[in-house]
Protein backbone atom coordinates (compact mmCIF):
# COMPACT_ATOMS: atom_id res chain seq x y z
CA UNK A 1 0.00 0.04 -0.08
CA UNK A 2 1.43 3.36 -0.94
CA UNK A 3 1.17 6.75 0.87
CA UNK A 4 -1.47 8.08 -1.50
CA UNK A 5 -3.70 5.39 -0.46
CA UNK A 6 -3.19 6.05 3.19
CA UNK A 7 -3.95 9.54 2.81
CA UNK A 8 -6.92 8.83 0.90
CA UNK A 9 -8.57 6.77 3.80
CA UNK A 10 -7.21 9.00 6.53
CA UNK A 11 -9.66 12.01 5.95
CA UNK A 12 -12.82 9.86 6.02
CA UNK A 13 -11.62 8.14 9.24
CA UNK A 14 -10.97 11.34 11.01
CA UNK A 15 -14.34 12.73 10.02
CA UNK A 16 -16.02 9.61 11.29
CA UNK A 17 -14.16 9.70 14.67
CA UNK A 18 -15.07 13.53 14.97
CA UNK A 19 -18.88 12.89 14.33
CA UNK A 20 -19.08 9.86 16.66
CA UNK A 21 -17.50 11.89 19.40
CA UNK A 22 -20.00 14.64 18.80
CA UNK A 23 -22.86 12.14 18.68
CA UNK A 24 -21.74 10.72 22.22
CA UNK A 25 -21.85 14.10 23.70
CA UNK A 26 -25.30 15.07 22.23
CA UNK A 27 -26.47 11.73 23.66
CA UNK A 28 -25.37 12.55 27.06
CA UNK A 29 -26.87 16.09 27.09
CA UNK A 30 -30.08 14.59 25.63
CA UNK A 31 -30.53 12.17 28.48
CA UNK A 32 -30.15 14.99 30.95
CA UNK A 33 -32.58 17.20 29.00
CA UNK A 34 -35.10 14.46 28.55
CA UNK A 35 -35.18 13.84 32.38
CA UNK A 36 -35.96 17.52 33.04
CA UNK A 37 -38.69 17.52 30.33
CA UNK A 38 -40.29 14.24 30.65
CA UNK A 39 -39.50 13.21 34.14
CA UNK A 40 -42.07 12.95 36.99
CA UNK A 41 -41.47 15.73 39.70
CA UNK A 42 -41.19 14.52 43.10
CA UNK A 43 -40.14 16.16 46.36
CA UNK A 44 -38.04 14.60 49.12
CA UNK A 45 -37.40 15.58 52.61
CA UNK A 46 -33.64 16.28 53.22
CA UNK A 47 -30.92 17.07 55.66
CA UNK A 48 -27.99 18.76 54.17
CA UNK A 49 -24.20 19.30 55.25
CA UNK A 50 -22.26 21.97 53.57
CA UNK A 51 -18.76 20.83 52.49
CA UNK A 52 -16.71 22.84 49.89
CA UNK A 53 -15.03 21.55 46.85
CA UNK A 54 -11.80 23.24 45.68
CA UNK A 55 -12.45 22.86 42.11
CA UNK A 56 -16.16 23.38 41.72
CA UNK A 57 -16.91 25.63 44.83
CA UNK A 58 -19.82 25.30 47.11
CA UNK A 59 -22.05 22.29 47.23
CA UNK A 60 -24.62 20.98 49.48
CA UNK A 61 -24.28 17.24 50.64
CA UNK A 62 -27.94 15.86 50.94
CA UNK A 63 -29.09 12.94 53.04
CA UNK A 64 -32.78 12.15 52.37
CA UNK A 65 -35.00 9.89 54.52
CA UNK A 66 -35.16 7.53 51.60
CA UNK A 67 -31.37 6.80 51.94
CA UNK A 68 -32.12 4.51 54.67
CA UNK A 69 -34.73 1.87 53.81
CA UNK A 70 -36.29 -0.48 56.44
CA UNK A 71 -35.56 -4.21 55.41
CA UNK A 72 -39.34 -4.87 55.92
CA UNK A 73 -39.76 -3.00 52.59
CA UNK A 74 -37.44 -5.20 50.63
CA UNK A 75 -39.34 -7.54 48.05
CA UNK A 76 -36.30 -9.66 46.96
CA UNK A 77 -35.91 -13.42 47.56
CA UNK A 78 -32.37 -12.89 48.68
CA UNK A 79 -30.88 -10.30 50.73
CA UNK A 80 -29.20 -7.27 49.11
CA UNK A 81 -25.53 -7.01 49.02
CA UNK A 82 -23.23 -4.01 48.77
CA UNK A 83 -23.12 -2.66 45.31
CA UNK A 84 -26.20 -4.24 44.07
CA UNK A 85 -28.74 -2.18 42.05
CA UNK A 86 -31.97 -1.58 43.86
CA UNK A 87 -35.21 -0.18 42.66
CA UNK A 88 -37.01 2.03 45.39
CA UNK A 89 -40.65 2.71 44.83
CA UNK A 90 -41.83 6.00 46.41
CA UNK A 91 -45.29 7.39 46.67
CA UNK A 92 -46.57 11.00 47.75
CA UNK A 93 -47.65 11.19 51.34
CA UNK A 94 -50.44 13.71 51.40
CA UNK A 95 -49.97 14.93 54.90
CA UNK A 96 -46.33 15.77 54.23
CA UNK A 97 -46.41 16.78 50.52
CA UNK A 98 -43.36 14.82 49.90
CA UNK A 99 -42.53 11.04 48.68
CA UNK A 100 -41.60 8.45 50.96
CA UNK A 101 -40.31 4.88 50.34
CA UNK A 102 -43.00 2.14 50.22
CA UNK A 103 -41.06 -0.91 48.71
CA UNK A 104 -37.61 -1.95 47.38
CA UNK A 105 -36.79 -4.49 44.68
CA UNK A 106 -33.87 -6.14 43.08
CA UNK A 107 -35.44 -5.64 39.60
CA UNK A 108 -37.55 -2.92 38.11
CA UNK A 109 -41.12 -3.54 39.19
CA UNK A 110 -44.44 -2.37 37.68
CA UNK A 111 -45.91 0.72 39.55
CA UNK A 112 -49.20 2.55 39.76
CA UNK A 113 -49.58 6.12 38.35
CA UNK A 114 -49.19 7.55 41.97
CA UNK A 115 -45.88 5.71 42.25
CA UNK A 116 -42.46 6.38 40.94
CA UNK A 117 -39.17 4.28 40.86
CA UNK A 118 -35.92 5.45 41.74
CA UNK A 119 -32.70 3.51 41.07
CA UNK A 120 -30.05 3.33 43.37
CA UNK A 121 -27.13 1.33 44.68
CA UNK A 122 -26.95 -0.57 48.02
CA UNK A 123 -24.14 1.02 50.24
CA UNK A 124 -24.44 -1.54 52.82
CA UNK A 125 -26.99 -3.26 54.89
CA UNK A 126 -26.50 -2.78 58.67
CA UNK A 127 -27.11 -5.08 61.88
CA UNK A 128 -30.46 -3.28 62.40
CA UNK A 129 -31.67 -4.25 59.06
CA UNK A 130 -31.48 -0.94 57.45
CA UNK A 131 -30.71 -0.95 53.76
CA UNK A 132 -28.39 2.28 52.85
CA UNK A 133 -28.96 3.39 49.34
CA UNK A 134 -27.32 5.92 47.33
CA UNK A 135 -29.11 7.46 44.25
CA UNK A 136 -26.62 9.92 42.73
CA UNK A 137 -28.73 12.78 44.14
CA UNK A 138 -26.63 13.33 47.26
CA UNK A 139 -24.63 16.47 45.99
CA UNK A 140 -25.92 19.56 44.71
CA UNK A 141 -23.88 22.61 43.65
CA UNK A 142 -25.00 26.10 44.79
CA UNK A 143 -23.90 29.68 44.25
CA UNK A 144 -20.75 30.50 46.29
CA UNK A 145 -21.12 31.26 49.85
CA UNK A 146 -24.81 30.11 49.95
CA UNK A 147 -24.21 26.51 51.37
CA UNK A 148 -24.00 27.77 55.00
CA UNK A 149 -27.52 29.45 54.67
CA UNK A 150 -29.04 26.36 53.39
CA UNK A 151 -27.24 24.18 56.09
CA UNK A 152 -28.81 26.35 58.85
CA UNK A 153 -32.37 25.50 57.34
CA UNK A 154 -31.56 21.93 57.04
CA UNK A 155 -34.52 20.63 58.58
CA UNK A 156 -36.79 22.68 56.35
CA UNK A 157 -35.49 21.94 52.98
CA UNK A 158 -37.37 20.08 50.13
CA UNK A 159 -35.40 18.80 47.06
CA UNK A 160 -37.18 18.81 43.74
CA UNK A 161 -36.25 15.97 41.51
CA UNK A 162 -37.48 14.92 38.06
CA UNK A 163 -37.61 11.09 37.90
CA UNK A 164 -38.06 9.83 34.25
CA UNK A 165 -39.45 6.29 33.87
CA UNK A 166 -36.09 5.13 32.37
CA UNK A 167 -34.13 6.04 35.55
CA UNK A 168 -31.54 8.85 35.90
CA UNK A 169 -33.21 11.10 38.28
CA UNK A 170 -32.00 14.62 38.31
CA UNK A 171 -32.22 17.43 40.93
CA UNK A 172 -34.32 20.24 39.71
CA UNK A 173 -33.82 22.56 42.79
CA UNK A 174 -33.96 23.03 46.62
CA UNK A 175 -36.66 24.86 48.14
CA UNK A 176 -37.87 25.76 51.83
CA UNK A 177 -40.57 23.64 53.25
CA UNK A 178 -43.71 25.56 53.26
């Protein structure tokens, strides 16, 4: 194969490489956009702690009531293990206007219109039969120097989340409990 043949294939290869990278990035952006557009809005009660990230600024570390699932809600045949995927079914509690966990499954269950599924990962199961779950919603970046103010109002914060049916819930915002 001579040099002119190599150069002839080089340009289409580079174009295909650039196009595939752009399509990959557009796919990531589209998933986040679709979650905000089509996701069901749910509200979760939270208790934040305010650390600081040197590279990204202030953020609020969020701990939800649904991060600790009572083992009685587990619907699997075998006990969950650290690292397992878990599907937590939440339902709006009319008295509190927030969502609470009502069941947890090792597979994606069917739910009613009033229920929503949050996909998480088991962190651990303790001796008191509490399943600790992480959803990827435990960190929220805020404007600089506002994290401390949120920390002081910790027991009165509600986190608004968009939870699409395919998973990947996103934090939409934080508001004070009314």
